[in-house]
């Protein structure tokens, strides 16, 4: 009488586990890449929204509006990986002084290198009441292992 085999042999189990482990490695790498892409896109969207909101604030209130990184919600610093503040007012110091109104705080989640190179100042982005930058051209640059992007702002306030 023939015996009907039941179950798997040890070799079949080892080969199956080997194939599953290779698939698991690829899926983890893919997940990490997708998460990095999501963080980069979220930061890019937040930045474009913050710049557009700053420009619209300047036009709506007929006063200069400034977007800049900050630690204390009063002074602008040059670390764009930190919290950003949006304020408007007639204070020309580039800081949120007594003649300025703090409008919004942004909390970016930066997971990489994020810098703003601009002339004449990279501490802030300021728009005049007409929607033009304050004689400022600049480029935001983001870099994270495999993901890189840049956003350019010209004097007319256009974002590319």
Protein backbone atom coordinates (compact mmCIF):
# COMPACT_ATOMS: atom_id res chain seq x y z
CA UNK A 1 0.00 0.00 0.00
CA UNK A 2 1.25 3.43 -0.96
CA UNK A 3 1.83 5.96 1.73
CA UNK A 4 0.34 9.44 1.04
CA UNK A 5 2.91 12.12 1.93
CA UNK A 6 1.71 14.71 4.39
CA UNK A 7 3.41 18.07 5.04
CA UNK A 8 6.60 19.52 3.63
CA UNK A 9 10.14 18.31 3.71
CA UNK A 10 12.82 20.28 5.53
CA UNK A 11 14.38 21.38 2.23
CA UNK A 12 11.06 22.71 0.96
CA UNK A 13 10.54 24.69 4.18
CA UNK A 14 14.04 26.20 4.07
CA UNK A 15 13.62 27.25 0.43
CA UNK A 16 10.21 28.78 1.20
CA UNK A 17 11.61 30.75 4.16
CA UNK A 18 14.53 31.94 2.04
CA UNK A 19 12.18 33.25 -0.66
CA UNK A 20 9.95 34.92 1.96
CA UNK A 21 12.94 36.61 3.61
CA UNK A 22 14.09 38.05 0.26
CA UNK A 23 10.58 39.38 -0.41
CA UNK A 24 10.48 40.90 3.10
CA UNK A 25 13.81 42.69 2.54
CA UNK A 26 12.56 44.23 -0.71
CA UNK A 27 9.28 45.32 0.85
CA UNK A 28 11.04 47.02 3.80
CA UNK A 29 13.37 48.91 1.45
CA UNK A 30 10.41 49.98 -0.67
CA UNK A 31 8.52 51.13 2.43
CA UNK A 32 11.46 53.24 3.62
CA UNK A 33 11.76 54.87 0.21
CA UNK A 34 8.03 55.61 0.07
CA UNK A 35 8.12 57.18 3.54
CA UNK A 36 11.10 59.36 2.57
CA UNK A 37 9.30 60.49 -0.59
CA UNK A 38 6.20 61.31 1.45
CA UNK A 39 8.19 63.43 3.95
CA UNK A 40 9.95 65.29 1.13
CA UNK A 41 6.70 65.99 -0.73
CA UNK A 42 4.98 67.12 2.48
CA UNK A 43 7.80 69.57 3.20
CA UNK A 44 7.69 70.87 -0.36
CA UNK A 45 3.92 71.39 -0.19
CA UNK A 46 4.17 73.12 3.19
CA UNK A 47 6.89 75.45 1.91
CA UNK A 48 5.02 76.44 -1.25
CA UNK A 49 1.86 77.03 0.82
CA UNK A 50 3.76 79.13 3.37
CA UNK A 51 5.37 81.26 0.66
CA UNK A 52 2.04 81.75 -1.12
CA UNK A 53 0.35 82.65 2.18
CA UNK A 54 3.11 85.18 2.93
CA UNK A 55 2.64 86.82 -0.46
CA UNK A 56 -1.16 86.90 -0.10
CA UNK A 57 -0.84 88.36 3.41
CA UNK A 58 1.34 91.21 2.12
CA UNK A 59 -1.17 91.99 -0.63
CA UNK A 60 -4.26 91.68 1.60
CA UNK A 61 -2.95 93.82 4.50
CA UNK A 62 -1.08 96.30 2.24
CA UNK A 63 2.01 95.83 4.40
CA UNK A 64 5.26 93.87 4.05
CA UNK A 65 4.95 90.24 5.12
CA UNK A 66 7.84 88.01 6.16
CA UNK A 67 8.37 84.26 6.40
CA UNK A 68 11.41 83.17 8.39
CA UNK A 69 12.71 80.40 10.66
CA UNK A 70 12.64 81.11 14.39
CA UNK A 71 13.34 79.65 17.82
CA UNK A 72 11.48 82.19 19.95
CA UNK A 73 8.72 83.50 17.63
CA UNK A 74 10.35 86.95 17.63
CA UNK A 75 13.70 86.80 15.88
CA UNK A 76 14.60 85.33 12.52
CA UNK A 77 17.45 82.83 12.33
CA UNK A 78 19.16 81.11 9.41
CA UNK A 79 18.12 77.51 10.14
CA UNK A 80 15.19 76.63 7.87
CA UNK A 81 14.94 73.17 9.46
CA UNK A 82 13.37 74.81 12.53
CA UNK A 83 9.95 76.33 13.15
CA UNK A 84 8.86 79.05 10.69
CA UNK A 85 6.84 82.15 11.48
CA UNK A 86 4.75 84.37 9.23
CA UNK A 87 4.27 87.97 10.32
CA UNK A 88 3.34 91.25 8.71
CA UNK A 89 3.95 94.86 9.62
CA UNK A 90 6.04 97.91 8.98
CA UNK A 91 9.08 96.83 11.01
CA UNK A 92 11.99 96.84 8.54
CA UNK A 93 14.43 95.02 10.81
CA UNK A 94 13.41 91.60 9.49
CA UNK A 95 12.24 90.65 12.98
CA UNK A 96 8.79 90.33 14.47
CA UNK A 97 8.91 93.55 16.49
CA UNK A 98 6.33 95.72 18.24
CA UNK A 99 5.05 97.11 14.92
CA UNK A 100 4.51 93.61 13.50
CA UNK A 101 1.72 91.06 13.88
CA UNK A 102 2.51 87.36 14.14
CA UNK A 103 0.03 85.56 11.91
CA UNK A 104 1.02 81.89 11.71
CA UNK A 105 3.56 79.37 12.96
CA UNK A 106 4.62 76.46 10.74
CA UNK A 107 6.19 73.26 12.09
CA UNK A 108 8.06 71.53 9.25
CA UNK A 109 9.28 67.96 9.69
CA UNK A 110 12.64 68.11 7.96
CA UNK A 111 14.37 64.76 7.44
CA UNK A 112 17.42 65.80 5.45
CA UNK A 113 19.39 68.88 4.47
CA UNK A 114 17.23 71.96 3.91
CA UNK A 115 18.75 75.38 3.13
CA UNK A 116 17.75 78.70 1.59
CA UNK A 117 20.34 80.48 -0.53
CA UNK A 118 19.31 84.01 -1.34
CA UNK A 119 20.57 87.48 -2.06
CA UNK A 120 20.62 89.80 -0.12
CA UNK A 121 19.46 87.72 2.88
CA UNK A 122 18.82 84.03 3.45
CA UNK A 123 17.31 84.57 6.90
CA UNK A 124 13.85 85.37 5.58
CA UNK A 125 11.54 85.74 2.57
CA UNK A 126 9.81 89.11 2.52
CA UNK A 127 7.08 90.33 0.19
CA UNK A 128 6.08 93.95 -0.34
CA UNK A 129 2.48 95.11 -0.33
CA UNK A 130 2.45 94.68 -4.12
CA UNK A 131 3.38 91.00 -3.90
CA UNK A 132 6.99 91.37 -5.01
CA UNK A 133 9.90 90.07 -2.97
CA UNK A 134 11.97 92.65 -1.16
CA UNK A 135 14.59 92.77 -4.00
CA UNK A 136 15.30 89.17 -3.19
CA UNK A 137 16.04 86.15 -5.38
CA UNK A 138 16.49 82.80 -3.71
CA UNK A 139 16.47 79.04 -3.91
CA UNK A 140 15.29 76.54 -1.32
CA UNK A 141 17.24 73.29 -1.65
CA UNK A 142 16.24 69.97 -0.05
CA UNK A 143 18.39 66.86 -0.13
CA UNK A 144 17.83 63.49 1.50
CA UNK A 145 19.79 60.43 0.30
CA UNK A 146 17.78 59.68 -2.88
CA UNK A 147 15.35 62.63 -2.93
CA UNK A 148 16.34 66.13 -4.03
CA UNK A 149 14.30 69.16 -5.02
CA UNK A 150 14.54 72.92 -5.18
CA UNK A 151 12.12 75.82 -5.21
CA UNK A 152 13.15 79.12 -6.76
CA UNK A 153 11.64 82.49 -5.85
CA UNK A 154 12.33 85.48 -8.06
CA UNK A 155 11.87 89.21 -7.42
CA UNK A 156 8.40 89.25 -8.95
CA UNK A 157 7.25 86.72 -6.35
CA UNK A 158 6.97 83.83 -8.79
CA UNK A 159 7.66 80.37 -7.39
CA UNK A 160 9.15 77.72 -9.69
